[in-house]
């Protein structure tokens, strides 16, 4: 089985000075995957269905 949980969001400043918003997600595969089991997806287009499936 596999699950992904939305656990938060962040706003980061990019190199060009603009801001980018990201969802913070936790993957059920283990802490050995991604960033200790977490990953980020930029909000907006192509957000892996986070805004439509949550």
C-alpha atoms as a PDB file:
ATOM      1  CA  UNK A   1       0.000   0.000   0.000  1.00  0.00           C
ATOM      2  CA  UNK A   2       1.029   3.590  -0.546  1.00  0.00           C
ATOM      3  CA  UNK A   3      -0.110   6.932   0.850  1.00  0.00           C
ATOM      4  CA  UNK A   4       0.950  10.552   0.628  1.00  0.00           C
ATOM      5  CA  UNK A   5      -0.136  13.086   3.246  1.00  0.00           C
ATOM      6  CA  UNK A   6      -0.097  16.859   2.879  1.00  0.00           C
ATOM      7  CA  UNK A   7       1.509  18.076   6.096  1.00  0.00           C
ATOM      8  CA  UNK A   8       2.155  21.748   5.351  1.00  0.00           C
ATOM      9  CA  UNK A   9       3.254  24.413   2.927  1.00  0.00           C
ATOM     10  CA  UNK A  10       6.186  26.777   2.526  1.00  0.00           C
ATOM     11  CA  UNK A  11       7.125  29.941   0.662  1.00  0.00           C
ATOM     12  CA  UNK A  12      10.648  30.083  -0.699  1.00  0.00           C
ATOM     13  CA  UNK A  13      12.523  32.955  -2.317  1.00  0.00           C
ATOM     14  CA  UNK A  14      14.053  31.928  -5.634  1.00  0.00           C
ATOM     15  CA  UNK A  15      17.397  33.120  -6.991  1.00  0.00           C
ATOM     16  CA  UNK A  16      15.655  35.792  -9.082  1.00  0.00           C
ATOM     17  CA  UNK A  17      13.926  37.224  -5.990  1.00  0.00           C
ATOM     18  CA  UNK A  18      10.455  35.877  -6.771  1.00  0.00           C
ATOM     19  CA  UNK A  19       8.584  33.674  -4.324  1.00  0.00           C
ATOM     20  CA  UNK A  20       7.415  30.116  -4.921  1.00  0.00           C
ATOM     21  CA  UNK A  21       4.841  28.310  -2.803  1.00  0.00           C
ATOM     22  CA  UNK A  22       5.224  24.576  -2.177  1.00  0.00           C
ATOM     23  CA  UNK A  23       3.155  21.844  -0.574  1.00  0.00           C
ATOM     24  CA  UNK A  24       5.109  19.735   1.928  1.00  0.00           C
ATOM     25  CA  UNK A  25       4.148  16.078   1.643  1.00  0.00           C
ATOM     26  CA  UNK A  26       5.023  12.931   3.588  1.00  0.00           C
ATOM     27  CA  UNK A  27       5.451   9.691   1.668  1.00  0.00           C
ATOM     28  CA  UNK A  28       4.600   6.354   3.293  1.00  0.00           C
ATOM     29  CA  UNK A  29       7.543   4.521   1.695  1.00  0.00           C
ATOM     30  CA  UNK A  30       9.903   5.286   4.620  1.00  0.00           C
ATOM     31  CA  UNK A  31      12.337   7.893   5.826  1.00  0.00           C
ATOM     32  CA  UNK A  32      14.922   6.503   3.383  1.00  0.00           C
ATOM     33  CA  UNK A  33      12.968   8.010   0.475  1.00  0.00           C
ATOM     34  CA  UNK A  34      13.201  11.682  -0.533  1.00  0.00           C
ATOM     35  CA  UNK A  35      14.130  14.119   2.240  1.00  0.00           C
ATOM     36  CA  UNK A  36      13.718  11.794   5.248  1.00  0.00           C
ATOM     37  CA  UNK A  37      10.383  10.639   3.813  1.00  0.00           C
ATOM     38  CA  UNK A  38       9.187  14.125   2.831  1.00  0.00           C
ATOM     39  CA  UNK A  39       9.113  15.990  -0.458  1.00  0.00           C
ATOM     40  CA  UNK A  40       7.819  19.277  -1.814  1.00  0.00           C
ATOM     41  CA  UNK A  41       5.616  20.025  -4.806  1.00  0.00           C
ATOM     42  CA  UNK A  42       5.221  23.535  -6.171  1.00  0.00           C
ATOM     43  CA  UNK A  43       1.667  24.845  -5.819  1.00  0.00           C
ATOM     44  CA  UNK A  44      -0.302  25.530  -8.965  1.00  0.00           C
ATOM     45  CA  UNK A  45      -0.150  23.770 -12.279  1.00  0.00           C
ATOM     46  CA  UNK A  46       1.064  20.154 -12.340  1.00  0.00           C
ATOM     47  CA  UNK A  47       0.904  19.763  -8.563  1.00  0.00           C
ATOM     48  CA  UNK A  48       0.331  15.976  -8.771  1.00  0.00           C
ATOM     49  CA  UNK A  49      -3.375  16.397  -7.977  1.00  0.00           C
ATOM     50  CA  UNK A  50      -2.770  17.812  -4.495  1.00  0.00           C
ATOM     51  CA  UNK A  51      -5.360  20.573  -4.946  1.00  0.00           C
ATOM     52  CA  UNK A  52      -7.953  18.299  -6.585  1.00  0.00           C
ATOM     53  CA  UNK A  53      -7.511  15.085  -4.573  1.00  0.00           C
ATOM     54  CA  UNK A  54      -6.927  16.374  -1.048  1.00  0.00           C
END
